[in-house]
Amino acid sequence: MRLASLLGVLALFLAGCSSNVDSHKYYKFSVTSNGNPAQLSASKQRVYIDTISILGAANQQALIQYTDENQVNIANFHYWAEHPKNMLAQATNTYLANEGINAIPLSYAGDDLEKHLTLKIVVHEFAGHYNDGAVLKGNWYIYRHHKRSKVLHSSRAFSLSSSLENNGFEPLIAAHKNNWLLLMKDVAQQLHQPNYE
């Protein structure tokens, strides 16, 4: 009798755990490679991609929503599949490579930074908003390396928002991706200018 009771409690516990797992959702957006990246010559300017910095509440895997001017909702069951700074770094590398820009993660630079560029992106806001949809704010910085130091070449603040096509987290993820693609388009246009070559 006691064994049957223990088995019954164990079965209820396992059923509760399995239903809990099903309620968690994980999201990721990625930029797909176009399959034919532009041929990059060895002499072409390199851009080293520094780690994407995310400041504030969005620096975590749970999705963030601004519910009011001074209130933040941190999702209990909706998460990025990986830390967003890693996802955004991958999307940045793929987008720039698709644009024919020789983009390399900074961790692979070694001592070969001289006369090359480094792109640093600092994100201040990366969240959903009930009125503005997906919100992306921050700054990007492009540095040129010279004699073992880096000099700021250019920088720009960005403030992007994309409305949601429908309510829900999946439309929010699509709007976040749209914002990142708009940011990447701006960065790529800067890097294609003659004074960056």
Protein backbone atom coordinates (compact mmCIF):
# COMPACT_ATOMS: atom_id res chain seq x y z
CA MET A 1 0.00 0.00 0.00
CA ARG A 2 2.79 2.37 0.93
CA LEU A 3 4.62 1.59 -2.33
CA ALA A 4 1.46 2.34 -4.33
CA SER A 5 1.11 5.70 -2.54
CA LEU A 6 4.74 6.61 -3.25
CA LEU A 7 4.36 5.67 -6.91
CA GLY A 8 1.19 7.78 -7.12
CA VAL A 9 2.92 10.83 -5.62
CA LEU A 10 5.91 10.32 -7.94
CA ALA A 11 3.61 10.10 -10.98
CA LEU A 12 1.84 13.34 -9.99
CA PHE A 13 5.20 15.06 -9.45
CA LEU A 14 6.50 13.98 -12.87
CA ALA A 15 3.27 15.04 -14.56
CA GLY A 16 3.54 18.46 -12.92
CA CYS A 17 7.16 18.87 -13.99
CA SER A 18 6.47 17.91 -17.59
CA SER A 19 3.58 20.35 -17.93
CA ASN A 20 5.77 23.12 -16.50
CA VAL A 21 8.44 22.56 -19.16
CA ASP A 22 5.87 22.87 -21.94
CA SER A 23 4.86 26.34 -20.75
CA HIS A 24 8.32 27.84 -21.33
CA LYS A 25 8.99 29.29 -24.79
CA TYR A 26 12.40 30.06 -26.25
CA TYR A 27 13.01 32.46 -29.14
CA LYS A 28 15.82 33.41 -31.46
CA PHE A 29 16.14 35.47 -34.56
CA SER A 30 18.99 35.08 -36.94
CA VAL A 31 20.16 36.63 -40.15
CA THR A 32 20.51 33.98 -42.80
CA SER A 33 23.55 33.78 -44.97
CA ASN A 34 22.76 34.50 -48.60
CA GLY A 35 24.77 31.42 -49.59
CA ASN A 36 27.11 33.40 -51.83
CA PRO A 37 29.12 35.72 -49.61
CA ALA A 38 31.04 38.30 -51.57
CA GLN A 39 34.62 37.37 -52.32
CA LEU A 40 36.85 39.18 -49.87
CA SER A 41 40.39 40.00 -50.86
CA ALA A 42 43.16 39.77 -48.28
CA SER A 43 43.87 43.49 -48.71
CA LYS A 44 40.28 44.58 -48.05
CA GLN A 45 39.66 46.52 -44.84
CA ARG A 46 38.77 44.28 -41.94
CA VAL A 47 36.17 45.12 -39.32
CA TYR A 48 36.54 43.38 -36.00
CA ILE A 49 33.24 42.99 -34.18
CA ASP A 50 33.54 43.66 -30.47
CA THR A 51 31.19 42.04 -27.97
CA ILE A 52 27.70 43.55 -28.10
CA SER A 53 27.04 45.26 -24.76
CA ILE A 54 23.50 45.32 -23.39
CA LEU A 55 22.89 47.61 -20.45
CA GLY A 56 20.11 47.48 -17.90
CA ALA A 57 17.20 45.08 -17.51
CA ALA A 58 17.50 43.59 -21.03
CA ASN A 59 20.92 42.10 -20.21
CA GLN A 60 19.37 38.67 -19.55
CA GLN A 61 17.64 35.84 -21.36
CA ALA A 62 14.09 36.68 -20.24
CA LEU A 63 12.19 38.93 -22.64
CA ILE A 64 11.54 42.44 -21.38
CA GLN A 65 8.49 44.67 -21.85
CA TYR A 66 7.95 48.26 -20.78
CA THR A 67 4.44 48.44 -19.39
CA ASP A 68 4.57 52.09 -18.32
CA GLU A 69 7.08 54.91 -18.20
CA ASN A 70 8.59 53.59 -14.97
CA GLN A 71 7.57 49.91 -15.03
CA VAL A 72 9.28 46.90 -16.56
CA ASN A 73 7.80 43.44 -16.98
CA ILE A 74 10.28 40.56 -17.07
CA ALA A 75 8.65 37.56 -18.75
CA ASN A 76 8.32 34.44 -16.63
CA PHE A 77 7.93 31.91 -19.44
CA HIS A 78 9.37 33.62 -22.56
CA TYR A 79 13.13 33.59 -23.04
CA TRP A 80 15.76 34.15 -25.67
CA ALA A 81 17.27 30.78 -26.60
CA GLU A 82 20.71 32.19 -25.76
CA HIS A 83 21.94 35.39 -24.21
CA PRO A 84 20.84 38.21 -26.54
CA LYS A 85 24.36 39.68 -26.83
CA ASN A 86 25.52 36.40 -28.43
CA MET A 87 22.52 36.27 -30.78
CA LEU A 88 23.05 39.90 -31.83
CA ALA A 89 26.78 39.34 -32.40
CA GLN A 90 26.03 36.38 -34.70
CA ALA A 91 23.41 38.39 -36.59
CA THR A 92 25.90 41.27 -36.98
CA ASN A 93 28.67 39.05 -38.37
CA THR A 94 26.33 37.35 -40.85
CA TYR A 95 24.72 40.60 -42.04
CA LEU A 96 28.05 42.35 -42.62
CA ALA A 97 29.51 39.30 -44.40
CA ASN A 98 26.44 39.25 -46.68
CA GLU A 99 27.21 42.91 -47.47
CA GLY A 100 30.76 42.03 -48.54
CA ILE A 101 32.36 43.46 -45.40
CA ASN A 102 35.23 41.43 -43.99
CA ALA A 103 33.76 41.05 -40.47
CA ILE A 104 35.69 39.03 -37.88
CA PRO A 105 34.91 38.55 -34.17
CA LEU A 106 37.37 40.61 -32.12
CA SER A 107 38.34 37.53 -30.09
CA TYR A 108 40.02 36.17 -33.26
CA ALA A 109 42.04 39.31 -33.96
CA GLY A 110 45.22 38.39 -32.09
CA ASP A 111 47.86 41.07 -32.62
CA ASP A 112 46.57 41.90 -36.10
CA LEU A 113 44.59 45.03 -35.22
CA GLU A 114 46.90 47.65 -36.69
CA LYS A 115 45.19 49.83 -39.32
CA HIS A 116 41.92 47.93 -39.04
CA LEU A 117 38.55 48.90 -37.63
CA THR A 118 36.61 47.71 -34.61
CA LEU A 119 32.83 48.02 -34.34
CA LYS A 120 31.39 48.33 -30.83
CA ILE A 121 27.63 48.38 -30.26
CA VAL A 122 26.17 49.38 -26.89
CA VAL A 123 22.45 48.71 -26.46
CA HIS A 124 20.61 50.80 -23.85
CA GLU A 125 17.09 49.51 -24.54
CA PHE A 126 16.06 46.20 -26.11
CA ALA A 127 12.48 45.57 -25.11
CA GLY A 128 8.86 45.40 -26.09
CA HIS A 129 6.61 48.39 -25.46
CA TYR A 130 2.82 48.41 -25.40
CA ASN A 131 2.61 51.53 -27.57
CA ASP A 132 5.85 51.52 -29.58
CA GLY A 133 6.22 47.80 -30.33
CA ALA A 134 9.85 46.64 -30.26
CA VAL A 135 12.29 49.28 -29.03
CA LEU A 136 16.04 49.33 -29.76
CA LYS A 137 18.19 52.21 -28.52
CA GLY A 138 21.89 52.69 -28.05
CA ASN A 139 25.09 53.80 -29.74
CA TRP A 140 27.57 52.30 -32.16
CA TYR A 141 31.25 53.22 -32.31
CA ILE A 142 33.84 52.56 -34.99
CA TYR A 143 37.46 52.68 -33.88
CA ARG A 144 40.62 52.66 -35.98
CA HIS A 145 43.66 51.03 -34.43
CA HIS A 146 47.00 52.79 -34.64
CA LYS A 147 50.21 52.06 -32.72
CA ARG A 148 48.56 49.70 -30.24
CA SER A 149 45.83 52.16 -29.30
CA LYS A 150 42.38 52.77 -30.70
CA VAL A 151 41.07 56.10 -31.92
CA LEU A 152 37.37 56.82 -32.32
CA HIS A 153 36.69 57.15 -36.03
CA SER A 154 32.92 57.75 -35.85
CA SER A 155 29.90 57.08 -33.71
CA ARG A 156 26.16 57.46 -33.83
CA ALA A 157 23.22 57.11 -31.48
CA PHE A 158 20.29 55.02 -32.69
CA SER A 159 16.68 54.89 -31.61
CA LEU A 160 14.49 52.44 -33.51
CA SER A 161 11.00 51.11 -32.95
CA SER A 162 8.94 48.69 -35.01
CA SER A 163 5.24 48.16 -34.44
CA LEU A 164 3.92 44.65 -33.97
CA GLU A 165 1.77 43.10 -36.71
CA ASN A 166 -0.21 41.17 -34.06
CA ASN A 167 -0.19 40.77 -30.30
CA GLY A 168 2.14 38.19 -28.80
CA PHE A 169 5.76 37.27 -28.37
CA GLU A 170 6.37 35.91 -31.89
CA PRO A 171 5.41 39.25 -33.51
CA LEU A 172 7.64 40.96 -30.91
CA ILE A 173 10.60 38.80 -31.97
CA ALA A 174 9.94 39.65 -35.65
CA ALA A 175 9.86 43.36 -34.76
CA HIS A 176 13.14 43.04 -32.79
CA LYS A 177 14.74 41.43 -35.83
CA ASN A 178 13.45 44.23 -38.07
CA ASN A 179 15.05 46.82 -35.76
CA TRP A 180 18.38 44.99 -35.81
CA LEU A 181 18.34 44.77 -39.62
CA LEU A 182 17.69 48.53 -39.83
CA LEU A 183 20.64 49.15 -37.52
CA MET A 184 22.87 46.83 -39.55
CA LYS A 185 21.88 48.62 -42.76
CA ASP A 186 23.02 51.92 -41.24
CA VAL A 187 26.31 50.44 -40.00
CA ALA A 188 27.02 48.77 -43.37
CA GLN A 189 26.39 52.05 -45.21
CA GLN A 190 28.94 53.75 -42.96
CA LEU A 191 31.51 51.01 -43.52
CA HIS A 192 31.06 51.18 -47.31
CA GLN A 193 31.99 54.88 -47.39
CA PRO A 194 35.36 55.62 -49.02
CA ASN A 195 36.94 57.05 -45.86
CA TYR A 196 36.58 53.65 -44.19
CA GLU A 197 38.52 51.79 -46.87
